[in-house]
PDB file of N, CA and C in Angstrom:
ATOM      1  N   UNK A   1      -1.675 -11.346   6.141  1.00  0.00           N
ATOM      2  CA  UNK A   1      -0.715 -10.553   7.248  1.00  0.00           C
ATOM      3  C   UNK A   1      -0.650 -11.382   8.191  1.00  0.00           C
ATOM      4  N   UNK A   2       0.780 -11.532   8.323  1.00  0.00           N
ATOM      5  CA  UNK A   2       1.366 -12.504   9.142  1.00  0.00           C
ATOM      6  C   UNK A   2       1.402 -11.359  10.730  1.00  0.00           C
ATOM      7  N   UNK A   3       1.393 -10.686  10.681  1.00  0.00           N
ATOM      8  CA  UNK A   3       1.690  -9.771  11.754  1.00  0.00           C
ATOM      9  C   UNK A   3       0.073  -9.566  12.318  1.00  0.00           C
ATOM     10  N   UNK A   4      -0.848  -9.260  11.898  1.00  0.00           N
ATOM     11  CA  UNK A   4      -2.507  -9.108  12.273  1.00  0.00           C
ATOM     12  C   UNK A   4      -2.650 -10.257  12.597  1.00  0.00           C
ATOM     13  N   UNK A   5      -2.801 -10.698  13.983  1.00  0.00           N
ATOM     14  CA  UNK A   5      -3.660 -12.104  14.341  1.00  0.00           C
ATOM     15  C   UNK A   5      -4.834 -11.486  15.120  1.00  0.00           C
ATOM     16  N   UNK A   6      -4.705 -10.364  15.896  1.00  0.00           N
ATOM     17  CA  UNK A   6      -6.003  -9.958  16.361  1.00  0.00           C
ATOM     18  C   UNK A   6      -6.983  -9.415  15.866  1.00  0.00           C
ATOM     19  N   UNK A   7      -8.185  -8.970  16.210  1.00  0.00           N
ATOM     20  CA  UNK A   7      -9.500  -8.399  15.705  1.00  0.00           C
ATOM     21  C   UNK A   7      -8.960  -7.035  15.780  1.00  0.00           C
ATOM     22  N   UNK A   8      -8.491  -6.417  16.767  1.00  0.00           N
ATOM     23  CA  UNK A   8      -8.558  -4.801  16.914  1.00  0.00           C
ATOM     24  C   UNK A   8      -7.351  -4.476  17.654  1.00  0.00           C
ATOM     25  N   UNK A   9      -6.892  -3.485  16.753  1.00  0.00           N
ATOM     26  CA  UNK A   9      -5.395  -2.836  17.204  1.00  0.00           C
ATOM     27  C   UNK A   9      -5.021  -1.505  17.685  1.00  0.00           C
ATOM     28  N   UNK A  10      -4.694  -1.180  19.046  1.00  0.00           N
ATOM     29  CA  UNK A  10      -4.850   0.285  19.140  1.00  0.00           C
ATOM     30  C   UNK A  10      -3.666   1.100  18.049  1.00  0.00           C
ATOM     31  N   UNK A  11      -3.905   2.277  18.247  1.00  0.00           N
ATOM     32  CA  UNK A  11      -3.103   3.369  17.223  1.00  0.00           C
ATOM     33  C   UNK A  11      -1.466   3.055  17.428  1.00  0.00           C
ATOM     34  N   UNK A  12      -1.261   2.961  18.530  1.00  0.00           N
ATOM     35  CA  UNK A  12       0.229   2.628  18.934  1.00  0.00           C
ATOM     36  C   UNK A  12       0.730   1.693  18.200  1.00  0.00           C
ATOM     37  N   UNK A  13       0.074   0.105  18.492  1.00  0.00           N
ATOM     38  CA  UNK A  13       0.390  -0.877  17.556  1.00  0.00           C
ATOM     39  C   UNK A  13       0.434  -0.816  16.014  1.00  0.00           C
ATOM     40  N   UNK A  14      -0.188  -0.315  15.514  1.00  0.00           N
ATOM     41  CA  UNK A  14      -0.430  -0.018  14.013  1.00  0.00           C
ATOM     42  C   UNK A  14       0.519   0.798  13.758  1.00  0.00           C
ATOM     43  N   UNK A  15       0.784   1.876  14.447  1.00  0.00           N
ATOM     44  CA  UNK A  15       2.204   2.848  14.151  1.00  0.00           C
ATOM     45  C   UNK A  15       3.282   1.681  14.254  1.00  0.00           C
ATOM     46  N   UNK A  16       3.644   0.951  15.249  1.00  0.00           N
ATOM     47  CA  UNK A  16       4.637  -0.043  15.187  1.00  0.00           C
ATOM     48  C   UNK A  16       4.733  -0.749  13.970  1.00  0.00           C
ATOM     49  N   UNK A  17       3.346  -1.684  13.442  1.00  0.00           N
ATOM     50  CA  UNK A  17       3.442  -2.471  12.677  1.00  0.00           C
ATOM     51  C   UNK A  17       3.661  -1.965  11.255  1.00  0.00           C
ATOM     52  N   UNK A  18       3.143  -0.582  11.014  1.00  0.00           N
ATOM     53  CA  UNK A  18       3.316   0.005   9.299  1.00  0.00           C
ATOM     54  C   UNK A  18       4.563   0.912   9.631  1.00  0.00           C
ATOM     55  N   UNK A  19       5.198   1.191  10.701  1.00  0.00           N
ATOM     56  CA  UNK A  19       6.516   2.139  10.602  1.00  0.00           C
ATOM     57  C   UNK A  19       6.039   3.839  10.007  1.00  0.00           C
ATOM     58  N   UNK A  20       4.927   3.810  10.526  1.00  0.00           N
ATOM     59  CA  UNK A  20       4.484   5.216  10.564  1.00  0.00           C
ATOM     60  C   UNK A  20       4.147   5.975  11.755  1.00  0.00           C
ATOM     61  N   UNK A  21       4.499   7.349  12.027  1.00  0.00           N
ATOM     62  CA  UNK A  21       4.000   8.062  13.066  1.00  0.00           C
ATOM     63  C   UNK A  21       2.373   7.875  13.400  1.00  0.00           C
ATOM     64  N   UNK A  22       2.119   8.092  14.682  1.00  0.00           N
ATOM     65  CA  UNK A  22       0.784   8.124  14.813  1.00  0.00           C
ATOM     66  C   UNK A  22      -0.189   9.202  14.541  1.00  0.00           C
ATOM     67  N   UNK A  23       0.893  10.365  14.566  1.00  0.00           N
ATOM     68  CA  UNK A  23       0.051  11.680  13.713  1.00  0.00           C
ATOM     69  C   UNK A  23      -0.211  11.489  12.110  1.00  0.00           C
ATOM     70  N   UNK A  24       0.707  10.624  11.522  1.00  0.00           N
ATOM     71  CA  UNK A  24       0.397  10.171  10.319  1.00  0.00           C
ATOM     72  C   UNK A  24      -0.675   9.331   9.779  1.00  0.00           C
ATOM     73  N   UNK A  25      -1.095   8.727  10.944  1.00  0.00           N
ATOM     74  CA  UNK A  25      -2.342   7.857  10.704  1.00  0.00           C
ATOM     75  C   UNK A  25      -3.500   8.542  11.131  1.00  0.00           C
ATOM     76  N   UNK A  26      -3.102   9.393  12.113  1.00  0.00           N
ATOM     77  CA  UNK A  26      -4.658  10.227  12.563  1.00  0.00           C
ATOM     78  C   UNK A  26      -4.851  11.138  11.228  1.00  0.00           C
ATOM     79  N   UNK A  27      -3.896  11.762  10.486  1.00  0.00           N
ATOM     80  CA  UNK A  27      -3.932  12.453   9.364  1.00  0.00           C
ATOM     81  C   UNK A  27      -4.641  11.633   8.231  1.00  0.00           C
ATOM     82  N   UNK A  28      -4.261  10.941   8.044  1.00  0.00           N
ATOM     83  CA  UNK A  28      -4.653   9.854   7.011  1.00  0.00           C
ATOM     84  C   UNK A  28      -6.078   9.579   7.226  1.00  0.00           C
ATOM     85  N   UNK A  29      -6.350   8.901   8.420  1.00  0.00           N
ATOM     86  CA  UNK A  29      -7.985   8.619   8.662  1.00  0.00           C
ATOM     87  C   UNK A  29      -9.053   9.852   8.469  1.00  0.00           C
ATOM     88  N   UNK A  30      -8.268  10.916   8.458  1.00  0.00           N
ATOM     89  CA  UNK A  30      -8.996  12.290   8.183  1.00  0.00           C
ATOM     90  C   UNK A  30      -9.251  12.411   6.974  1.00  0.00           C
ATOM     91  N   UNK A  31      -8.111  12.027   6.246  1.00  0.00           N
ATOM     92  CA  UNK A  31      -8.180  11.879   4.656  1.00  0.00           C
ATOM     93  C   UNK A  31      -8.860  10.922   3.739  1.00  0.00           C
ATOM     94  N   UNK A  32      -8.432   9.964   4.262  1.00  0.00           N
ATOM     95  CA  UNK A  32      -9.119   8.733   2.974  1.00  0.00           C
ATOM     96  C   UNK A  32     -10.188   7.879   3.775  1.00  0.00           C
ATOM     97  N   UNK A  33     -11.290   7.728   3.016  1.00  0.00           N
ATOM     98  CA  UNK A  33     -12.503   7.377   3.630  1.00  0.00           C
ATOM     99  C   UNK A  33     -12.511   5.987   3.973  1.00  0.00           C
ATOM    100  N   UNK A  34     -11.425   5.204   3.154  1.00  0.00           N
ATOM    101  CA  UNK A  34     -11.237   3.836   3.350  1.00  0.00           C
ATOM    102  C   UNK A  34     -10.777   3.509   4.733  1.00  0.00           C
ATOM    103  N   UNK A  35     -10.115   4.397   5.768  1.00  0.00           N
ATOM    104  CA  UNK A  35      -9.727   4.103   6.864  1.00  0.00           C
ATOM    105  C   UNK A  35     -10.939   4.628   7.609  1.00  0.00           C
ATOM    106  N   UNK A  36     -11.219   3.878   8.763  1.00  0.00           N
ATOM    107  CA  UNK A  36     -12.418   3.945   9.440  1.00  0.00           C
ATOM    108  C   UNK A  36     -12.468   3.340  10.635  1.00  0.00           C
ATOM    109  N   UNK A  37     -11.388   3.392  11.759  1.00  0.00           N
ATOM    110  CA  UNK A  37     -11.011   2.512  12.733  1.00  0.00           C
ATOM    111  C   UNK A  37     -12.457   2.903  13.588  1.00  0.00           C
ATOM    112  N   UNK A  38     -12.673   1.777  14.395  1.00  0.00           N
ATOM    113  CA  UNK A  38     -13.729   1.932  15.663  1.00  0.00           C
ATOM    114  C   UNK A  38     -13.285   2.670  16.698  1.00  0.00           C
ATOM    115  N   UNK A  39     -14.065   3.621  17.443  1.00  0.00           N
ATOM    116  CA  UNK A  39     -13.573   4.000  18.601  1.00  0.00           C
ATOM    117  C   UNK A  39     -14.591   3.594  20.031  1.00  0.00           C
ATOM    118  N   UNK A  40     -14.156   3.802  20.957  1.00  0.00           N
ATOM    119  CA  UNK A  40     -14.651   3.132  22.039  1.00  0.00           C
ATOM    120  C   UNK A  40     -15.257   4.805  22.945  1.00  0.00           C
ATOM    121  N   UNK A  41     -15.845   4.459  23.797  1.00  0.00           N
ATOM    122  CA  UNK A  41     -16.430   5.854  24.569  1.00  0.00           C
ATOM    123  C   UNK A  41     -15.646   6.894  24.848  1.00  0.00           C
ATOM    124  N   UNK A  42     -14.452   6.447  25.111  1.00  0.00           N
ATOM    125  CA  UNK A  42     -13.488   7.450  25.387  1.00  0.00           C
ATOM    126  C   UNK A  42     -12.639   7.681  24.207  1.00  0.00           C
ATOM    127  N   UNK A  43     -13.243   7.519  22.796  1.00  0.00           N
ATOM    128  CA  UNK A  43     -12.193   7.754  21.731  1.00  0.00           C
ATOM    129  C   UNK A  43     -11.146   7.383  21.349  1.00  0.00           C
ATOM    130  N   UNK A  44     -10.706   6.131  21.972  1.00  0.00           N
ATOM    131  CA  UNK A  44      -9.691   5.293  21.742  1.00  0.00           C
ATOM    132  C   UNK A  44      -9.841   4.821  20.433  1.00  0.00           C
ATOM    133  N   UNK A  45      -8.914   4.639  19.509  1.00  0.00           N
ATOM    134  CA  UNK A  45      -8.866   4.214  18.001  1.00  0.00           C
ATOM    135  C   UNK A  45      -8.634   2.476  18.155  1.00  0.00           C
ATOM    136  N   UNK A  46      -9.738   1.804  17.770  1.00  0.00           N
ATOM    137  CA  UNK A  46      -9.217   0.349  17.124  1.00  0.00           C
ATOM    138  C   UNK A  46      -9.084   0.177  15.478  1.00  0.00           C
ATOM    139  N   UNK A  47      -8.037  -0.452  15.179  1.00  0.00           N
ATOM    140  CA  UNK A  47      -8.087  -0.713  13.827  1.00  0.00           C
ATOM    141  C   UNK A  47      -8.344  -2.308  13.486  1.00  0.00           C
ATOM    142  N   UNK A  48      -8.922  -2.657  12.391  1.00  0.00           N
ATOM    143  CA  UNK A  48      -8.813  -4.104  12.106  1.00  0.00           C
ATOM    144  C   UNK A  48      -7.840  -4.179  11.235  1.00  0.00           C
ATOM    145  N   UNK A  49      -7.820  -5.690  10.914  1.00  0.00           N
ATOM    146  CA  UNK A  49      -6.737  -6.135  10.164  1.00  0.00           C
ATOM    147  C   UNK A  49      -6.881  -5.567   8.778  1.00  0.00           C
ATOM    148  N   UNK A  50      -8.253  -5.223   8.200  1.00  0.00           N
ATOM    149  CA  UNK A  50      -8.379  -4.528   7.395  1.00  0.00           C
ATOM    150  C   UNK A  50      -7.997  -2.799   6.915  1.00  0.00           C
ATOM    151  N   UNK A  51      -8.196  -2.442   7.943  1.00  0.00           N
ATOM    152  CA  UNK A  51      -7.865  -1.004   7.789  1.00  0.00           C
ATOM    153  C   UNK A  51      -6.181  -0.791   7.947  1.00  0.00           C
ATOM    154  N   UNK A  52      -5.583  -1.880   8.610  1.00  0.00           N
ATOM    155  CA  UNK A  52      -4.021  -2.108   8.533  1.00  0.00           C
ATOM    156  C   UNK A  52      -3.496  -2.414   7.125  1.00  0.00           C
ATOM    157  N   UNK A  53      -4.604  -3.272   6.675  1.00  0.00           N
ATOM    158  CA  UNK A  53      -3.997  -3.549   4.892  1.00  0.00           C
ATOM    159  C   UNK A  53      -4.329  -2.252   4.259  1.00  0.00           C
ATOM    160  N   UNK A  54      -5.089  -1.741   4.426  1.00  0.00           N
ATOM    161  CA  UNK A  54      -5.516  -0.290   3.866  1.00  0.00           C
ATOM    162  C   UNK A  54      -4.344   0.619   3.926  1.00  0.00           C
ATOM    163  N   UNK A  55      -4.113   0.947   5.314  1.00  0.00           N
ATOM    164  CA  UNK A  55      -3.110   1.891   5.673  1.00  0.00           C
ATOM    165  C   UNK A  55      -1.759   1.566   5.140  1.00  0.00           C
ATOM    166  N   UNK A  56      -1.322   0.086   4.739  1.00  0.00           N
ATOM    167  CA  UNK A  56      -0.361  -0.170   4.167  1.00  0.00           C
ATOM    168  C   UNK A  56      -0.289   0.005   2.633  1.00  0.00           C
ATOM    169  N   UNK A  57      -1.364  -0.122   1.725  1.00  0.00           N
ATOM    170  CA  UNK A  57      -1.432   0.206   0.324  1.00  0.00           C
ATOM    171  C   UNK A  57      -1.536   1.805   0.376  1.00  0.00           C
ATOM    172  N   UNK A  58      -2.041   2.536   1.270  1.00  0.00           N
ATOM    173  CA  UNK A  58      -1.680   3.837   1.175  1.00  0.00           C
ATOM    174  C   UNK A  58      -0.489   4.231   1.236  1.00  0.00           C
ATOM    175  N   UNK A  59       0.405   3.583   2.284  1.00  0.00           N
ATOM    176  CA  UNK A  59       1.761   3.870   2.480  1.00  0.00           C
ATOM    177  C   UNK A  59       2.464   3.517   0.989  1.00  0.00           C
ATOM    178  N   UNK A  60       2.359   2.189   0.437  1.00  0.00           N
ATOM    179  CA  UNK A  60       2.584   2.050  -0.658  1.00  0.00           C
ATOM    180  C   UNK A  60       2.612   3.196  -1.807  1.00  0.00           C
ATOM    181  N   UNK A  61       1.434   3.467  -1.999  1.00  0.00           N
ATOM    182  CA  UNK A  61       0.944   4.659  -2.935  1.00  0.00           C
ATOM    183  C   UNK A  61       1.896   5.887  -2.642  1.00  0.00           C
ATOM    184  N   UNK A  62       1.577   6.403  -1.611  1.00  0.00           N
ATOM    185  CA  UNK A  62       2.192   7.794  -1.131  1.00  0.00           C
ATOM    186  C   UNK A  62       3.504   7.713  -1.219  1.00  0.00           C
ATOM    187  N   UNK A  63       4.321   6.765  -0.122  1.00  0.00           N
ATOM    188  CA  UNK A  63       6.032   6.778   0.151  1.00  0.00           C
ATOM    189  C   UNK A  63       6.373   6.264  -0.926  1.00  0.00           C
ATOM    190  N   UNK A  64       6.122   4.989  -1.889  1.00  0.00           N
ATOM    191  CA  UNK A  64       6.770   4.367  -2.579  1.00  0.00           C
ATOM    192  C   UNK A  64       6.658   4.635  -3.751  1.00  0.00           C
ATOM    193  N   UNK A  65       5.282   5.195  -4.316  1.00  0.00           N
ATOM    194  CA  UNK A  65       5.050   5.185  -5.871  1.00  0.00           C
ATOM    195  C   UNK A  65       5.164   6.906  -6.044  1.00  0.00           C
ATOM    196  N   UNK A  66       5.047   7.786  -4.920  1.00  0.00           N
ATOM    197  CA  UNK A  66       5.233   9.221  -4.926  1.00  0.00           C
ATOM    198  C   UNK A  66       3.903   9.547  -5.374  1.00  0.00           C
ATOM    199  N   UNK A  67       2.655   9.041  -5.301  1.00  0.00           N
ATOM    200  CA  UNK A  67       1.387   9.604  -5.589  1.00  0.00           C
ATOM    201  C   UNK A  67       1.140  10.780  -4.264  1.00  0.00           C
ATOM    202  N   UNK A  68       0.140  11.842  -4.821  1.00  0.00           N
ATOM    203  CA  UNK A  68      -0.404  12.506  -4.204  1.00  0.00           C
ATOM    204  C   UNK A  68      -1.519  12.154  -3.127  1.00  0.00           C
ATOM    205  N   UNK A  69      -1.971  12.615  -2.325  1.00  0.00           N
ATOM    206  CA  UNK A  69      -3.017  11.696  -1.458  1.00  0.00           C
ATOM    207  C   UNK A  69      -4.396  11.701  -2.234  1.00  0.00           C
ATOM    208  N   UNK A  70      -5.097  12.845  -2.802  1.00  0.00           N
ATOM    209  CA  UNK A  70      -6.191  12.603  -3.553  1.00  0.00           C
ATOM    210  C   UNK A  70      -5.886  11.160  -4.761  1.00  0.00           C
ATOM    211  N   UNK A  71      -4.861  11.576  -5.283  1.00  0.00           N
ATOM    212  CA  UNK A  71      -4.836  10.432  -6.351  1.00  0.00           C
ATOM    213  C   UNK A  71      -4.779   8.654  -5.804  1.00  0.00           C
ATOM    214  N   UNK A  72      -4.026   8.821  -4.303  1.00  0.00           N
ATOM    215  CA  UNK A  72      -3.839   7.477  -3.972  1.00  0.00           C
ATOM    216  C   UNK A  72      -5.200   7.217  -3.380  1.00  0.00           C
ATOM    217  N   UNK A  73      -6.328   8.043  -2.815  1.00  0.00           N
ATOM    218  CA  UNK A  73      -7.349   7.901  -2.387  1.00  0.00           C
ATOM    219  C   UNK A  73      -8.351   7.385  -3.752  1.00  0.00           C
ATOM    220  N   UNK A  74      -8.352   7.969  -4.959  1.00  0.00           N
ATOM    221  CA  UNK A  74      -9.026   7.759  -6.033  1.00  0.00           C
ATOM    222  C   UNK A  74      -8.572   6.308  -6.886  1.00  0.00           C
ATOM    223  N   UNK A  75      -7.232   5.990  -6.502  1.00  0.00           N
ATOM    224  CA  UNK A  75      -6.715   4.551  -7.079  1.00  0.00           C
ATOM    225  C   UNK A  75      -7.520   3.337  -6.027  1.00  0.00           C
ATOM    226  N   UNK A  76      -7.362   3.813  -4.767  1.00  0.00           N
ATOM    227  CA  UNK A  76      -7.826   2.690  -4.068  1.00  0.00           C
ATOM    228  C   UNK A  76      -9.406   2.483  -4.139  1.00  0.00           C
ATOM    229  N   UNK A  77     -10.071   3.623  -4.539  1.00  0.00           N
ATOM    230  CA  UNK A  77     -11.594   3.848  -4.652  1.00  0.00           C
ATOM    231  C   UNK A  77     -11.800   2.763  -6.141  1.00  0.00           C
ATOM    232  N   UNK A  78     -11.285   3.379  -6.915  1.00  0.00           N
ATOM    233  CA  UNK A  78     -11.483   3.014  -8.561  1.00  0.00           C
ATOM    234  C   UNK A  78     -10.635   1.414  -8.578  1.00  0.00           C
ATOM    235  N   UNK A  79      -9.671   0.951  -8.177  1.00  0.00           N
ATOM    236  CA  UNK A  79      -8.954  -0.410  -8.224  1.00  0.00           C
ATOM    237  C   UNK A  79      -8.570  -1.234  -7.099  1.00  0.00           C
ATOM    238  N   UNK A  80      -9.154  -1.543  -5.751  1.00  0.00           N
ATOM    239  CA  UNK A  80      -8.710  -1.639  -4.541  1.00  0.00           C
ATOM    240  C   UNK A  80      -8.009  -3.057  -4.934  1.00  0.00           C
ATOM    241  N   UNK A  81      -8.464  -3.961  -5.944  1.00  0.00           N
ATOM    242  CA  UNK A  81      -7.978  -5.015  -5.669  1.00  0.00           C
ATOM    243  C   UNK A  81      -6.413  -4.816  -6.706  1.00  0.00           C
ATOM    244  N   UNK A  82      -6.367  -4.131  -7.514  1.00  0.00           N
ATOM    245  CA  UNK A  82      -5.020  -3.972  -8.333  1.00  0.00           C
ATOM    246  C   UNK A  82      -4.078  -3.610  -7.601  1.00  0.00           C
ATOM    247  N   UNK A  83      -4.532  -2.468  -6.664  1.00  0.00           N
ATOM    248  CA  UNK A  83      -3.357  -2.160  -5.932  1.00  0.00           C
ATOM    249  C   UNK A  83      -2.813  -2.822  -4.918  1.00  0.00           C
ATOM    250  N   UNK A  84      -4.014  -3.837  -4.426  1.00  0.00           N
ATOM    251  CA  UNK A  84      -3.514  -4.982  -3.500  1.00  0.00           C
ATOM    252  C   UNK A  84      -2.784  -5.746  -3.947  1.00  0.00           C
ATOM    253  N   UNK A  85      -2.976  -6.237  -5.251  1.00  0.00           N
ATOM    254  CA  UNK A  85      -1.880  -7.218  -5.862  1.00  0.00           C
ATOM    255  C   UNK A  85      -0.706  -6.846  -6.024  1.00  0.00           C
ATOM    256  N   UNK A  86      -0.551  -5.554  -6.769  1.00  0.00           N
ATOM    257  CA  UNK A  86       0.856  -5.063  -6.815  1.00  0.00           C
ATOM    258  C   UNK A  86       1.477  -4.789  -5.737  1.00  0.00           C
ATOM    259  N   UNK A  87       0.819  -4.456  -4.173  1.00  0.00           N
ATOM    260  CA  UNK A  87       1.257  -4.488  -2.998  1.00  0.00           C
ATOM    261  C   UNK A  87       2.036  -5.653  -2.691  1.00  0.00           C
ATOM    262  N   UNK A  88       1.183  -6.638  -2.863  1.00  0.00           N
ATOM    263  CA  UNK A  88       1.749  -7.873  -2.322  1.00  0.00           C
ATOM    264  C   UNK A  88       2.943  -8.343  -3.269  1.00  0.00           C
ATOM    265  N   UNK A  89       2.967  -8.153  -4.423  1.00  0.00           N
ATOM    266  CA  UNK A  89       4.072  -8.702  -5.221  1.00  0.00           C
ATOM    267  C   UNK A  89       5.142  -8.063  -4.659  1.00  0.00           C
ATOM    268  N   UNK A  90       5.030  -6.652  -4.779  1.00  0.00           N
ATOM    269  CA  UNK A  90       6.258  -6.007  -4.166  1.00  0.00           C
ATOM    270  C   UNK A  90       7.052  -6.235  -2.696  1.00  0.00           C
ATOM    271  N   UNK A  91       5.759  -6.732  -1.832  1.00  0.00           N
ATOM    272  CA  UNK A  91       6.220  -7.283  -0.823  1.00  0.00           C
ATOM    273  C   UNK A  91       6.942  -8.687  -0.738  1.00  0.00           C
ATOM    274  N   UNK A  92       6.312  -9.523  -1.544  1.00  0.00           N
ATOM    275  CA  UNK A  92       7.053 -10.774  -1.590  1.00  0.00           C
ATOM    276  C   UNK A  92       8.446 -10.828  -2.380  1.00  0.00           C
ATOM    277  N   UNK A  93       8.522  -9.635  -3.176  1.00  0.00           N
ATOM    278  CA  UNK A  93      10.063  -9.411  -3.883  1.00  0.00           C
ATOM    279  C   UNK A  93      10.901  -9.163  -2.793  1.00  0.00           C
ATOM    280  N   UNK A  94      10.344  -7.941  -1.952  1.00  0.00           N
ATOM    281  CA  UNK A  94      11.217  -7.435  -1.050  1.00  0.00           C
ATOM    282  C   UNK A  94      12.030  -8.712   0.085  1.00  0.00           C
ATOM    283  N   UNK A  95      10.943  -9.538   0.385  1.00  0.00           N
ATOM    284  CA  UNK A  95      10.950 -10.324   1.490  1.00  0.00           C
ATOM    285  C   UNK A  95      12.377 -11.584   0.686  1.00  0.00           C
ATOM    286  N   UNK A  96      12.092 -11.783  -0.842  1.00  0.00           N
ATOM    287  CA  UNK A  96      13.075 -12.564  -1.523  1.00  0.00           C
ATOM    288  C   UNK A  96      14.564 -11.882  -1.356  1.00  0.00           C
ATOM    289  N   UNK A  97      14.454 -10.578  -2.062  1.00  0.00           N
ATOM    290  CA  UNK A  97      15.869  -9.702  -1.751  1.00  0.00           C
ATOM    291  C   UNK A  97      16.403  -9.798  -0.489  1.00  0.00           C
ATOM    292  N   UNK A  98      15.615  -9.741   0.545  1.00  0.00           N
ATOM    293  CA  UNK A  98      16.137  -9.578   2.072  1.00  0.00           C
ATOM    294  C   UNK A  98      16.620 -11.125   2.297  1.00  0.00           C
ATOM    295  N   UNK A  99      16.295 -12.219   1.709  1.00  0.00           N
ATOM    296  CA  UNK A  99      16.478 -13.230   2.146  1.00  0.00           C
ATOM    297  C   UNK A  99      17.720 -13.834   1.449  1.00  0.00           C
ATOM    298  N   UNK A 100      17.892 -13.260  -0.025  1.00  0.00           N
ATOM    299  CA  UNK A 100      19.210 -13.494  -0.944  1.00  0.00           C
ATOM    300  C   UNK A 100      20.287 -12.623  -0.049  1.00  0.00           C
ATOM    301  N   UNK A 101      20.002 -11.697   0.282  1.00  0.00           N
ATOM    302  CA  UNK A 101      20.923 -10.636   0.795  1.00  0.00           C
ATOM    303  C   UNK A 101      21.907 -11.264   1.994  1.00  0.00           C
ATOM    304  N   UNK A 102      20.812 -11.958   2.949  1.00  0.00           N
ATOM    305  CA  UNK A 102      21.521 -12.634   4.240  1.00  0.00           C
ATOM    306  C   UNK A 102      22.195 -13.952   4.047  1.00  0.00           C
ATOM    307  N   UNK A 103      21.629 -14.615   2.524  1.00  0.00           N
ATOM    308  CA  UNK A 103      22.569 -15.765   2.057  1.00  0.00           C
ATOM    309  C   UNK A 103      23.692 -15.003   1.999  1.00  0.00           C
ATOM    310  N   UNK A 104      23.671 -14.232   0.877  1.00  0.00           N
ATOM    311  CA  UNK A 104      25.187 -13.771  -0.022  1.00  0.00           C
ATOM    312  C   UNK A 104      25.899 -13.289   1.249  1.00  0.00           C
ATOM    313  N   UNK A 105      25.560 -12.688   2.698  1.00  0.00           N
ATOM    314  CA  UNK A 105      26.182 -12.119   3.491  1.00  0.00           C
ATOM    315  C   UNK A 105      26.872 -13.249   4.324  1.00  0.00           C
ATOM    316  N   UNK A 106      25.794 -14.332   4.574  1.00  0.00           N
ATOM    317  CA  UNK A 106      26.450 -15.589   5.272  1.00  0.00           C
ATOM    318  C   UNK A 106      27.730 -16.233   4.382  1.00  0.00           C
ATOM    319  N   UNK A 107      27.654 -16.101   3.140  1.00  0.00           N
ATOM    320  CA  UNK A 107      28.420 -16.828   2.345  1.00  0.00           C
ATOM    321  C   UNK A 107      29.914 -16.032   2.268  1.00  0.00           C
ATOM    322  N   UNK A 108      29.861 -14.488   2.389  1.00  0.00           N
ATOM    323  CA  UNK A 108      30.791 -13.922   2.840  1.00  0.00           C
ATOM    324  C   UNK A 108      31.542 -14.122   4.222  1.00  0.00           C
ATOM    325  N   UNK A 109      30.812 -14.151   5.050  1.00  0.00           N
ATOM    326  CA  UNK A 109      31.435 -14.479   6.525  1.00  0.00           C
ATOM    327  C   UNK A 109      32.087 -15.897   6.649  1.00  0.00           C
ATOM    328  N   UNK A 110      31.911 -16.573   5.742  1.00  0.00           N
ATOM    329  CA  UNK A 110      32.164 -18.255   5.423  1.00  0.00           C
ATOM    330  C   UNK A 110      33.795 -18.226   4.578  1.00  0.00           C
ATOM    331  N   UNK A 111      33.992 -17.168   4.054  1.00  0.00           N
ATOM    332  CA  UNK A 111      35.288 -16.907   3.405  1.00  0.00           C
ATOM    333  C   UNK A 111      36.569 -16.463   4.445  1.00  0.00           C
TER     334      UNK A 111
END
């Protein structure tokens, strides 16, 4: 995770990193036992890089693969490493596709 270099992130930072509304993050926190941010005395949530990785995996399962929330939670409990590997492979492929698209666009501008 290149974007996560700090120990703890506030919910607004996580929302921006993963591209989800804060309300979705709060909802998922209540639904998924794998997301467990620390809280200070005033109730401010502090997410670890592991929490952010979990949120990204849930996003992949729910938004990309179309799984229901309960099925996504079960998949993470049952096969976290497998989900992580699939998620990372798809993210790597997206980066390659984006880079290739930029190269194609550059070539079109040269004509």
